[in-house]
Protein backbone atom coordinates (compact mmCIF):
# COMPACT_ATOMS: atom_id res chain seq x y z
CA MET A 1 144.52 35.32 110.88
CA SER A 2 141.07 33.74 111.28
CA PRO A 3 138.52 36.01 112.95
CA ARG A 4 138.05 35.35 116.68
CA PRO A 5 134.83 37.10 117.74
CA CYS A 6 133.44 37.71 121.21
CA ILE A 7 130.37 39.51 122.54
CA ILE A 8 130.58 42.72 124.57
CA VAL A 9 127.75 44.30 126.57
CA PRO A 10 128.01 47.80 128.10
CA CYS A 11 125.64 48.00 131.06
CA TYR A 12 124.37 50.87 133.17
CA ASN A 13 121.48 50.09 135.55
CA HIS A 14 120.03 47.34 133.33
CA GLY A 15 120.27 44.58 135.93
CA SER A 16 116.67 43.48 135.34
CA THR A 17 117.28 42.59 131.68
CA LEU A 18 120.72 40.98 131.85
CA GLN A 19 119.62 37.49 132.93
CA ALA A 20 117.31 37.11 129.92
CA LEU A 21 119.88 38.62 127.56
CA ILE A 22 122.64 36.25 128.70
CA GLU A 23 120.33 33.27 128.21
CA ARG A 24 119.49 34.44 124.67
CA LEU A 25 123.20 34.86 123.87
CA ALA A 26 124.31 31.51 125.33
CA PRO A 27 123.46 29.38 122.24
CA PHE A 28 126.03 31.27 120.15
CA GLY A 29 128.87 29.89 122.29
CA LEU A 30 130.95 33.07 122.20
CA PRO A 31 133.00 34.52 125.06
CA LEU A 32 131.04 37.26 126.80
CA ILE A 33 132.48 40.48 128.25
CA ILE A 34 130.20 42.74 130.31
CA VAL A 35 131.28 46.20 131.49
CA ASP A 36 129.42 47.68 134.45
CA ASP A 37 129.56 51.41 133.79
CA GLY A 38 129.13 52.62 137.36
CA SER A 39 125.68 51.10 137.95
CA ASP A 40 123.74 51.34 141.20
CA GLU A 41 124.30 48.72 143.90
CA ALA A 42 121.29 46.61 142.89
CA THR A 43 122.57 46.24 139.33
CA ALA A 44 126.17 45.72 140.44
CA SER A 45 125.04 42.95 142.80
CA GLU A 46 123.02 41.28 140.04
CA LEU A 47 126.00 41.43 137.68
CA ARG A 48 128.29 39.80 140.27
CA ARG A 49 125.71 37.03 140.72
CA LEU A 50 125.49 36.47 136.98
CA ALA A 51 129.29 36.47 136.62
CA ALA A 52 129.51 33.73 139.27
CA GLN A 53 126.75 31.73 137.60
CA HIS A 54 127.92 32.02 133.99
CA ALA A 55 131.28 31.80 132.25
CA LEU A 56 131.72 35.50 131.48
CA THR A 57 134.18 38.31 132.05
CA LEU A 58 132.90 41.18 134.21
CA LEU A 59 134.69 44.52 134.34
CA ALA A 60 133.52 47.57 136.30
CA HIS A 61 133.98 51.33 136.24
CA SER A 62 134.00 52.99 139.63
CA ARG A 63 131.78 55.75 138.25
CA ASN A 64 129.57 56.22 135.22
CA GLN A 65 131.67 57.28 132.21
CA GLY A 66 129.23 56.70 129.33
CA LYS A 67 128.51 53.97 126.80
CA GLY A 68 131.49 54.85 124.64
CA ALA A 69 133.88 54.51 127.55
CA ALA A 70 132.33 51.14 128.46
CA VAL A 71 132.68 49.88 124.89
CA ALA A 72 136.31 51.07 124.78
CA THR A 73 137.05 49.17 128.01
CA ALA A 74 135.42 46.04 126.59
CA LEU A 75 137.35 46.32 123.31
CA ARG A 76 140.67 46.61 125.19
CA GLU A 77 139.81 43.48 127.15
CA ALA A 78 138.80 41.70 123.94
CA ARG A 79 142.20 42.58 122.43
CA ARG A 80 144.00 41.37 125.57
CA LEU A 81 142.17 38.03 125.29
CA GLY A 82 143.15 37.69 121.63
CA HIS A 83 139.83 38.49 119.96
CA THR A 84 139.85 40.17 116.55
CA HIS A 85 136.18 41.21 116.46
CA ALA A 86 133.64 42.15 119.09
CA LEU A 87 129.88 41.97 118.65
CA GLN A 88 128.40 44.72 120.80
CA ILE A 89 124.79 44.45 121.91
CA ASP A 90 122.94 46.86 124.17
CA ALA A 91 121.87 45.56 127.57
CA ASP A 92 118.23 46.67 127.30
CA GLY A 93 117.08 43.66 125.28
CA GLN A 94 115.65 45.67 122.36
CA HIS A 95 117.50 43.83 119.59
CA ASP A 96 116.50 40.55 117.99
CA VAL A 97 119.44 38.20 118.64
CA SER A 98 118.43 35.93 115.74
CA ALA A 99 120.28 38.40 113.46
CA ILE A 100 123.62 37.73 115.18
CA PRO A 101 124.74 34.79 112.95
CA ALA A 102 124.15 36.88 109.81
CA LEU A 103 126.08 39.82 111.28
CA LEU A 104 129.00 37.55 112.19
CA ASP A 105 129.00 35.90 108.75
CA LEU A 106 129.11 39.34 107.14
CA SER A 107 131.98 40.31 109.42
CA ARG A 108 133.96 37.13 108.62
CA ALA A 109 133.57 37.83 104.90
CA ASN A 110 134.62 41.48 105.42
CA PRO A 111 137.09 41.49 108.35
CA ASP A 112 138.05 45.17 107.94
CA ALA A 113 134.43 46.36 108.01
CA LEU A 114 132.22 47.68 110.76
CA VAL A 115 129.07 45.54 110.45
CA SER A 116 125.93 47.05 111.94
CA GLY A 117 122.29 46.23 112.30
CA ARG A 118 119.85 48.28 110.27
CA PRO A 119 116.81 48.64 112.57
CA VAL A 120 113.42 47.37 111.47
CA TYR A 121 110.96 48.86 113.94
CA ASP A 122 107.50 47.82 114.99
CA SER A 123 104.80 50.13 116.34
CA SER A 124 106.51 50.41 119.74
CA ILE A 125 109.05 53.02 118.62
CA PRO A 126 108.16 56.55 119.82
CA PRO A 127 107.56 58.92 116.85
CA ALA A 128 110.09 61.42 118.23
CA ARG A 129 112.78 58.72 118.06
CA ARG A 130 112.06 58.07 114.39
CA ILE A 131 112.31 61.76 113.53
CA GLY A 132 115.48 62.24 115.57
CA ARG A 133 117.15 59.28 113.87
CA TRP A 134 116.19 60.56 110.42
CA ILE A 135 117.73 63.96 111.16
CA THR A 136 120.92 62.21 112.32
CA HIS A 137 120.98 60.15 109.10
CA VAL A 138 120.93 63.32 107.02
CA TRP A 139 123.82 64.83 108.97
CA VAL A 140 125.86 61.62 108.67
CA TRP A 141 125.34 61.57 104.89
CA ILE A 142 126.70 65.13 104.78
CA GLU A 143 129.61 64.34 107.15
CA THR A 144 130.70 61.33 105.09
CA LEU A 145 129.78 62.71 101.64
CA SER A 146 128.26 59.30 101.13
CA LEU A 147 125.03 57.35 101.47
CA GLU A 148 126.91 54.24 102.59
CA ILE A 149 125.76 54.58 106.20
CA ASN A 150 122.11 53.53 106.47
CA ASP A 151 121.85 53.89 110.26
CA SER A 152 124.56 55.16 112.59
CA MET A 153 122.78 54.61 115.92
CA CYS A 154 122.00 50.90 116.11
CA GLY A 155 123.25 49.24 119.30
CA LEU A 156 123.90 45.85 117.67
CA ARG A 157 127.11 45.87 115.63
CA VAL A 158 130.41 44.01 115.07
CA TYR A 159 133.58 46.06 115.61
CA PRO A 160 136.97 45.19 114.13
CA VAL A 161 138.87 45.45 117.41
CA SER A 162 142.27 46.84 116.39
CA PRO A 163 141.06 49.59 113.98
CA SER A 164 138.47 50.71 116.52
CA LEU A 165 141.05 50.99 119.30
CA VAL A 166 143.40 52.95 117.03
CA LEU A 167 140.71 55.66 117.03
CA LEU A 168 139.62 55.30 120.66
CA ASP A 169 143.16 55.37 122.04
CA SER A 170 144.48 58.11 119.77
CA PRO A 171 145.91 61.04 121.75
CA ARG A 172 145.05 63.39 118.86
CA LEU A 173 141.28 63.01 119.03
CA ARG A 174 138.62 62.24 121.56
CA VAL A 175 135.66 60.24 120.31
CA GLY A 176 132.45 61.01 122.18
CA ARG A 177 131.91 58.75 125.18
CA ARG A 178 128.16 59.03 125.76
CA MET A 179 125.09 59.35 123.48
CA ASP A 180 127.37 60.68 120.76
CA PHE A 181 129.56 57.55 120.67
CA ASP A 182 127.73 55.20 118.29
CA THR A 183 127.48 57.74 115.48
CA GLU A 184 130.94 59.26 115.87
CA ILE A 185 132.89 55.99 115.92
CA MET A 186 131.04 54.82 112.78
CA VAL A 187 131.75 58.06 110.91
CA ARG A 188 135.41 58.04 111.90
CA LEU A 189 135.87 54.40 110.86
CA HIS A 190 134.32 55.34 107.50
CA TRP A 191 136.74 58.26 107.22
CA ALA A 192 139.62 55.85 107.94
CA GLY A 193 138.60 53.74 104.94
CA HIS A 194 136.78 50.90 106.67
CA PRO A 195 133.61 49.72 104.91
CA VAL A 196 130.36 50.02 106.85
CA LEU A 197 127.96 47.16 106.09
CA PHE A 198 124.40 46.54 107.27
CA HIS A 199 121.97 43.72 107.92
CA PRO A 200 118.30 44.15 108.95
CA VAL A 201 117.58 43.71 112.67
CA ARG A 202 114.18 43.81 114.34
CA VAL A 203 114.07 46.30 117.22
CA THR A 204 111.33 46.48 119.85
CA TYR A 205 110.97 49.11 122.56
CA PRO A 206 109.79 47.16 125.64
CA PRO A 207 107.14 48.79 127.84
CA GLY A 208 108.68 50.43 130.88
CA GLY A 209 112.16 50.27 129.38
CA VAL A 210 114.99 52.24 131.00
CA SER A 211 116.25 55.23 129.00
CA HIS A 212 119.33 57.22 129.97
CA PHE A 213 118.72 59.96 127.40
CA ARG A 214 118.72 63.43 128.98
CA ALA A 215 116.98 65.75 126.55
CA PHE A 216 118.87 69.02 127.03
CA ARG A 217 122.35 67.75 127.84
CA ASP A 218 122.43 64.92 125.32
CA ASN A 219 120.91 66.96 122.50
CA LEU A 220 123.58 69.58 123.18
CA ARG A 221 126.26 66.87 123.16
CA ILE A 222 124.95 65.40 119.87
CA SER A 223 124.81 68.85 118.27
CA TRP A 224 128.42 69.47 119.25
CA MET A 225 129.37 66.04 117.83
CA HIS A 226 127.80 66.89 114.45
CA THR A 227 129.59 70.25 114.51
CA ARG A 228 132.93 68.47 115.09
CA LEU A 229 132.23 65.92 112.38
CA PHE A 230 131.12 68.52 109.85
CA LEU A 231 134.24 70.60 110.46
CA GLY A 232 136.32 67.41 110.33
CA MET A 233 134.76 66.49 107.00
CA LEU A 234 135.83 69.72 105.31
CA PRO A 235 139.60 69.04 105.15
CA ARG A 236 138.90 65.38 104.38
CA ALA A 237 136.45 66.18 101.56
CA PRO A 238 138.98 65.85 98.69
CA LYS A 239 140.14 62.46 99.99
CA LEU A 240 136.59 61.23 100.54
CA LEU A 241 135.51 62.34 97.08
CA TRP A 242 138.59 60.84 95.44
CA ARG A 243 137.95 57.54 97.21
CA LYS A 244 134.36 57.65 96.00
CA LEU A 245 135.43 58.35 92.42
CA LYS A 246 138.03 55.57 92.48
CA THR A 247 135.42 52.99 93.44
CA GLU A 248 132.83 54.16 90.91
CA ARG A 249 132.46 51.87 87.97
CA GLU A 250 133.01 54.54 85.36
CA THR A 251 132.46 52.42 82.28
CA ALA A 252 129.89 49.86 83.38
CA THR A 253 126.27 50.59 82.55
CA PRO A 254 124.12 47.98 84.31
CA HIS A 255 120.50 47.40 83.40
CA TRP A 256 118.36 49.95 85.23
CA SER A 257 116.76 47.23 87.42
CA ARG A 258 120.21 46.34 88.85
CA ILE A 259 120.93 49.90 89.98
CA PRO A 260 119.88 49.94 93.65
CA GLU A 261 117.17 52.41 94.62
CA ARG A 262 118.38 55.06 97.03
CA ARG A 263 115.24 55.11 99.08
CA GLY A 264 112.66 52.59 100.30
CA LEU A 265 109.29 52.08 101.85
CA ALA A 266 110.53 52.62 105.40
CA GLY A 267 112.12 55.88 104.30
CA MET A 268 108.86 57.01 102.71
CA ARG A 269 106.99 56.28 105.96
CA LEU A 270 109.55 58.23 107.93
CA MET A 271 109.53 61.17 105.53
CA LEU A 272 105.75 61.26 105.53
CA LEU A 273 105.68 61.25 109.34
CA ALA A 274 108.24 64.05 109.51
CA TYR A 275 106.35 65.97 106.83
CA ARG A 276 103.14 65.77 108.83
CA VAL A 277 104.89 66.91 112.00
CA PHE A 278 107.01 69.73 110.54
CA GLY A 279 105.26 70.64 107.28
CA TYR A 280 106.27 71.68 103.78
CA ARG A 281 108.55 74.55 104.78
CA PHE A 282 110.71 72.33 107.02
CA PHE A 283 111.26 69.88 104.19
CA SER A 284 111.96 72.58 101.64
CA LEU A 285 114.72 73.92 103.91
CA LEU A 286 116.27 70.45 104.18
CA LEU A 287 116.03 69.81 100.46
CA HIS A 288 119.18 71.66 99.38
CA PRO A 289 121.68 69.90 101.72
CA VAL A 290 120.09 66.50 101.09
CA VAL A 291 120.03 66.95 97.31
CA PHE A 292 123.62 68.23 97.43
CA VAL A 293 124.74 64.98 99.08
CA PHE A 294 122.88 62.89 96.50
CA TRP A 295 124.35 64.98 93.69
CA LEU A 296 127.86 64.80 95.13
CA THR A 297 127.85 61.04 95.68
CA GLY A 298 125.83 59.90 92.65
CA ALA A 299 128.48 59.82 89.91
CA ARG A 300 126.50 57.52 87.62
CA ALA A 301 123.35 59.60 87.98
CA ARG A 302 125.37 62.81 87.39
CA ARG A 303 126.70 61.41 84.13
CA ALA A 304 123.19 60.42 83.03
CA SER A 305 121.85 63.89 83.91
CA ARG A 306 124.70 65.61 82.07
CA ASP A 307 124.09 63.46 78.99
CA TRP A 308 120.33 64.18 79.03
CA LEU A 309 120.80 67.96 79.27
CA ARG A 310 123.51 67.96 76.59
CA ARG A 311 121.33 66.05 74.15
CA LEU A 312 118.34 68.25 74.97
CA ARG A 313 120.23 71.48 74.24
CA ALA A 314 121.66 70.09 71.00
CA ARG A 315 118.24 68.90 69.82
CA ALA A 316 116.58 72.21 70.70
CA ALA A 317 119.24 74.09 68.71
CA ALA A 318 118.83 71.76 65.73
CA THR A 319 115.03 72.05 65.64
CA GLY A 320 114.67 75.72 66.56
CA ARG A 321 112.94 75.00 69.88
CA VAL A 322 113.44 77.38 72.81
CA LEU A 323 114.06 75.74 76.17
CA PRO A 324 112.84 77.36 79.42
CA ASP A 325 115.51 79.55 81.02
CA ARG A 326 114.15 79.21 84.56
CA PRO A 327 115.25 77.34 86.53
CA PRO A 328 118.75 77.03 85.06
CA LEU A 329 119.35 73.78 83.17
CA THR A 330 122.18 72.42 85.32
CA GLY A 331 122.85 68.98 86.74
CA TYR A 332 122.30 70.16 90.29
CA ARG A 333 118.96 71.77 89.39
CA HIS A 334 118.00 68.49 87.69
CA PHE A 335 118.68 66.61 90.95
CA TYR A 336 116.90 69.32 92.93
CA ARG A 337 113.80 69.03 90.75
CA PHE A 338 113.75 65.29 91.45
CA GLY A 339 113.98 65.98 95.19
CA GLU A 340 111.20 68.54 94.81
CA SER A 341 109.04 65.89 93.12
CA ILE A 342 109.43 63.67 96.20
CA LEU A 343 108.32 66.59 98.34
CA GLU A 344 105.33 67.01 96.01
CA LYS A 345 104.56 63.32 96.48
CA LEU A 346 104.43 63.81 100.25
CA ALA A 347 102.28 66.90 99.80
CA ALA A 348 99.90 65.00 97.51
CA TRP A 349 99.63 62.08 99.94
CA ASN A 350 98.96 64.51 102.78
CA GLY A 351 96.26 66.32 100.78
CA ASP A 352 98.22 69.57 100.46
CA ILE A 353 98.07 69.40 96.66
CA ARG A 354 94.38 69.36 95.90
CA ASN A 355 92.85 68.02 92.74
CA ASP A 356 91.94 71.57 91.71
CA ASP A 357 95.61 72.56 91.95
CA VAL A 358 96.38 70.31 88.99
CA GLU A 359 95.45 71.46 85.50
CA ILE A 360 94.46 68.69 83.09
CA VAL A 361 95.04 69.22 79.38
CA ASP A 362 93.08 66.36 77.86
CA HIS A 363 92.81 67.07 74.10
CA GLY A 364 89.20 65.88 74.28
CA VAL A 365 90.19 62.45 75.61
CA LEU A 366 88.41 62.68 78.95
CA ALA A 367 85.06 64.03 77.78
CA PRO A 368 83.40 60.60 77.43
CA TYR A 369 84.65 59.56 80.87
CA LEU A 370 83.48 62.76 82.57
CA LYS A 371 80.00 62.29 81.08
CA ASN A 372 79.75 58.52 81.56
CA HIS A 373 81.30 56.85 84.58
CA ASP A 374 80.40 53.47 83.07
CA ALA A 375 82.73 54.07 80.12
CA PRO A 376 85.18 51.21 79.47
CA GLY A 377 88.71 51.18 80.79
CA ALA A 378 91.85 52.28 78.99
CA LEU A 379 95.58 51.61 78.89
CA VAL A 380 97.74 54.63 79.73
CA PHE A 381 101.34 54.89 78.52
CA MET A 382 103.44 56.89 80.98
CA THR A 383 107.13 57.70 80.90
CA HIS A 384 109.67 58.87 83.41
CA LEU A 385 109.16 62.41 82.26
CA GLY A 386 107.20 63.95 85.11
CA ASN A 387 105.76 62.99 88.48
CA PRO A 388 103.25 60.12 88.07
CA GLU A 389 102.00 60.67 91.63
CA LEU A 390 99.92 63.54 90.24
CA CYS A 391 97.78 61.02 88.36
CA ARG A 392 95.87 60.75 91.64
CA ALA A 393 94.21 63.98 90.57
CA LEU A 394 93.25 62.48 87.21
CA GLY A 395 91.68 59.47 88.90
CA ALA A 396 89.76 61.67 91.30
CA ARG A 397 88.58 63.98 88.49
CA THR A 398 87.20 61.10 86.39
CA GLY A 399 86.18 58.79 89.22
CA LYS A 400 88.43 56.08 87.74
CA THR A 401 90.80 53.79 89.60
CA ILE A 402 94.25 53.88 88.02
CA ASN A 403 96.25 50.65 88.30
CA ALA A 404 99.96 51.32 87.86
CA ILE A 405 102.09 48.36 86.75
CA VAL A 406 105.40 48.62 88.59
CA HIS A 407 108.59 46.57 88.59
CA THR A 408 109.01 46.29 92.36
CA ALA A 409 108.64 43.67 95.04
CA ASN A 410 107.29 46.40 97.35
CA ALA A 411 104.04 46.95 95.44
CA ALA A 412 101.84 45.34 98.11
CA ARG A 413 103.45 47.39 100.88
CA PHE A 414 103.19 50.62 98.87
CA ASN A 415 99.50 49.84 98.34
CA ARG A 416 99.08 49.48 102.09
CA LEU A 417 100.89 52.76 102.68
CA LEU A 418 98.71 54.46 100.07
CA ARG A 419 95.54 53.19 101.74
CA GLU A 420 96.78 54.40 105.13
CA THR A 421 97.80 57.87 103.99
CA ALA A 422 95.58 58.61 100.99
CA PRO A 423 92.52 56.33 101.08
CA GLY A 424 90.83 58.29 98.29
CA SER A 425 93.83 58.25 95.98
CA HIS A 426 92.22 56.21 93.17
CA LEU A 427 95.66 54.65 92.69
CA ASN A 428 96.62 50.98 92.93
CA LEU A 429 100.00 49.34 92.25
CA ILE A 430 100.29 46.01 90.44
CA PRO A 431 103.65 44.17 90.59
CA ALA A 432 104.93 43.12 87.18
CA ALA A 433 106.68 39.77 87.01
CA GLY A 434 106.62 39.46 83.23
CA LEU A 435 103.56 39.48 80.98
CA SER A 436 102.02 36.15 81.98
CA PRO A 437 98.57 34.86 80.98
CA ALA A 438 97.42 35.35 84.58
CA THR A 439 98.52 39.00 84.48
CA ALA A 440 96.73 39.55 81.17
CA ILE A 441 93.51 38.05 82.59
CA LEU A 442 93.73 40.28 85.69
CA LEU A 443 94.24 43.38 83.56
CA ARG A 444 91.38 42.43 81.27
CA GLU A 445 89.07 42.17 84.28
CA LYS A 446 90.10 45.62 85.46
CA LEU A 447 89.48 47.11 82.04
CA ASP A 448 86.04 45.46 81.88
CA ALA A 449 85.31 47.07 85.26
CA GLY A 450 86.08 50.48 83.74
CA GLU A 451 89.43 50.93 85.47
CA TRP A 452 92.54 52.35 83.84
CA ILE A 453 95.93 50.65 83.63
CA ALA A 454 99.13 52.72 83.57
CA ILE A 455 102.46 51.30 82.42
CA ALA A 456 105.89 52.84 81.96
CA ALA A 457 106.54 52.74 78.22
CA ASP A 458 110.18 53.86 78.34
CA ARG A 459 111.94 51.30 80.54
CA THR A 460 113.19 48.02 79.14
CA SER A 461 111.96 44.76 80.61
CA ILE A 462 113.66 43.23 83.65
CA HIS A 463 113.03 39.71 82.38
CA HIS A 464 113.62 40.30 78.66
CA PRO A 465 115.97 43.31 78.40
CA GLY A 466 116.77 42.52 74.77
CA ARG A 467 113.18 42.82 73.56
CA VAL A 468 113.30 46.44 72.52
CA VAL A 469 112.43 48.57 69.53
CA MET A 470 114.69 51.47 68.63
CA ALA A 471 113.26 54.95 68.06
CA ASP A 472 114.90 58.32 67.59
CA LEU A 473 114.87 60.44 70.75
CA LEU A 474 116.75 63.74 70.92
CA GLY A 475 118.58 62.91 67.70
CA ALA A 476 119.84 59.41 68.55
CA PRO A 477 118.39 55.88 68.60
CA ALA A 478 117.08 54.88 72.03
CA PRO A 479 115.58 51.55 73.16
CA PHE A 480 111.90 51.34 74.05
CA PRO A 481 110.42 48.11 75.43
CA GLU A 482 108.19 46.03 73.17
CA GLY A 483 106.08 44.92 76.16
CA PRO A 484 103.69 47.90 76.49
CA PHE A 485 102.85 47.82 72.77
CA VAL A 486 102.32 44.05 72.82
CA LEU A 487 100.14 44.38 75.93
CA ALA A 488 98.03 47.05 74.24
CA SER A 489 97.53 44.87 71.17
CA VAL A 490 96.44 41.92 73.35
CA LEU A 491 94.01 43.94 75.48
CA LYS A 492 92.45 45.70 72.45
CA CYS A 493 91.46 48.82 74.37
CA PRO A 494 91.92 52.58 73.93
CA VAL A 495 95.49 53.72 74.59
CA PHE A 496 96.34 57.19 75.94
CA LEU A 497 99.60 59.01 76.64
CA MET A 498 99.97 60.84 79.94
CA PHE A 499 102.67 63.29 81.05
CA ALA A 500 102.41 64.75 84.58
CA LEU A 501 104.67 67.82 84.48
CA LYS A 502 105.46 71.03 86.30
CA GLU A 503 105.43 73.80 83.69
CA ASN A 504 106.08 77.42 84.68
CA GLY A 505 105.41 76.56 88.31
CA ARG A 506 102.04 74.95 87.52
CA HIS A 507 101.17 71.26 87.88
CA ARG A 508 99.79 70.10 84.57
CA ILE A 509 98.75 66.67 83.29
CA HIS A 510 98.67 66.15 79.52
CA VAL A 511 96.42 63.31 78.36
CA GLU A 512 96.59 62.53 74.66
CA PRO A 513 95.02 59.86 72.42
CA PHE A 514 97.52 57.33 71.09
CA ALA A 515 95.64 54.37 69.54
CA ASP A 516 92.19 52.78 69.63
CA PRO A 517 92.99 49.97 69.38
CA LEU A 518 96.73 49.52 68.96
CA ALA A 519 97.31 47.00 66.18
CA LEU A 520 100.36 44.81 65.53
CA PRO A 521 99.55 42.89 62.34
CA ARG A 522 101.53 39.65 62.14
CA ALA A 523 102.82 40.35 58.62
CA THR A 524 104.12 43.83 59.45
CA ARG A 525 104.72 43.48 63.18
CA ALA A 526 108.27 44.89 63.22
CA ALA A 527 107.31 47.92 61.14
CA ALA A 528 104.23 48.55 63.30
CA LEU A 529 106.30 48.38 66.49
CA SER A 530 108.80 50.84 65.05
CA ALA A 531 106.04 53.25 64.03
CA HIS A 532 104.37 53.16 67.47
CA ALA A 533 107.72 53.65 69.27
CA ALA A 534 108.59 56.57 66.98
CA ARG A 535 105.29 58.30 67.80
CA LEU A 536 105.85 57.77 71.52
CA ALA A 537 109.40 59.11 71.31
CA ALA A 538 108.22 62.17 69.38
CA ARG A 539 105.64 63.08 72.02
CA LEU A 540 108.16 62.43 74.81
CA GLU A 541 110.63 64.76 73.11
CA HIS A 542 107.95 67.42 72.59
CA HIS A 543 107.01 67.56 76.27
CA ALA A 544 110.65 67.29 77.42
CA MET A 545 111.33 70.59 75.66
CA ASN A 546 108.67 72.23 77.86
CA ALA A 547 109.75 70.57 81.15
CA PRO A 548 113.40 69.54 80.66
CA LEU A 549 114.18 69.03 84.35
CA ASP A 550 111.22 66.67 84.83
CA TRP A 551 113.14 63.74 83.31
CA PHE A 552 113.49 61.41 86.32
CA ASN A 553 115.30 58.54 84.65
CA PHE A 554 118.81 58.78 86.09
CA HIS A 555 120.42 55.96 84.14
CA ASN A 556 122.07 55.83 80.74
CA PHE A 557 119.13 55.83 78.32
CA TRP A 558 121.20 55.67 75.13
CA PRO A 559 123.16 52.39 75.12
CA SER A 560 125.92 53.70 72.86
CA ALA A 561 126.65 56.65 75.19
């Protein structure tokens, strides 16, 4: 059966916004169903006028029953009229209707799915709303044992009519009918096996907008909803986990750049805001349940963590090295340490980790720079062992700007966020789109200005993933990208290694000399590349033995594994 969508609008005392909303929806040419959820006489009169003026279906509740009840009434009417899908939009006019075609296209391609907007807010959103939504997101991740649901509260979404009514009309359960409705129906559809898909939607809070949120009663209702959903998750946990495992691609090992990041710039803004409001202790309390969800749902990352720790133990036994016994070297503690590093990032951005809190072990490298601020720039090889955010302290200590080359389209926005939150960070991000002549010229200019350039020397190229040099790491050949070594040979500048680690509870940055300059003679280029990669791998292995849980590269590093 071909999808037959309609639009449904639950309305309670939003008579002043309905005229404009109907006019914005008219170009889509879809049947419109409005449910008056017991509005006052002024709104009811306006709705009757609009129903007479426009071709729409108007239904009314004799008393206010809540948004969920209004949506249920609209969905039953949509089913009676033969519609298979219903696009629900709130009556307050907050949502950008230009996203509707994309939402409907996504629904047509995935008829069993609940398709929802993922809000993109401007400055009009109240800070308390952001924090409240983030807390709800965390609970939903726990209740679904999944990170599939990006936002459970958006009021612009496309329901599959029949599956939704199976839940709403079930005599065995009662889905919340008021402020708890949007989240609960989404979680229960996920439990029932329906995909939940998202598309970005701009959301604006209009000045003087009408809000029906009652702080005490609705917060109590939402708390009870999360209690019900958490308790409902427990008996469903085996089924949810089995479903997750069945859909995991157990054998495929995509290039690291194709593994989607599980966080983003908007999330960092939200976390930083919540951190500033609630502080370090609040976040540390949340860390265990959040990390547990990531650990539980990240099968690929769990396998990579397990492989790393297994190889580390075997290598330590073979070489006579003693690994730290605290904290325990388990997969969960590995995930937890990564979560802790994000918390440290927030603390560093907020100024709670001062430069003096970070010990720098420089092996004599920094002496010329501490004495002479006009000293030339340098290229810094970093790896994914440790928290590179701590290099802010190194930049502040030496007075040098550190330019980090990153493989992300969000570099400009991260720079803006850095300037907003940590204007004295001495850290700048440069997007890498391959080593072009223009990039080389830009980097040369920064070096001539005395700035430092940091590049990850342990992740293969996005654009040329096959250009690698193999070097032994933890007893097995591992691929290292040629790019950083080639870049160093072109720039002809001093090259350092830097590892920003947490050792025995202390933040410590190790800065070591690597080459000055790094040479790749044409006649012996392959041998020179192999020698440089072997030295890098040896130092990476050395420091990994001292901070084994600081390896934040949760993808398969050894291609034969």
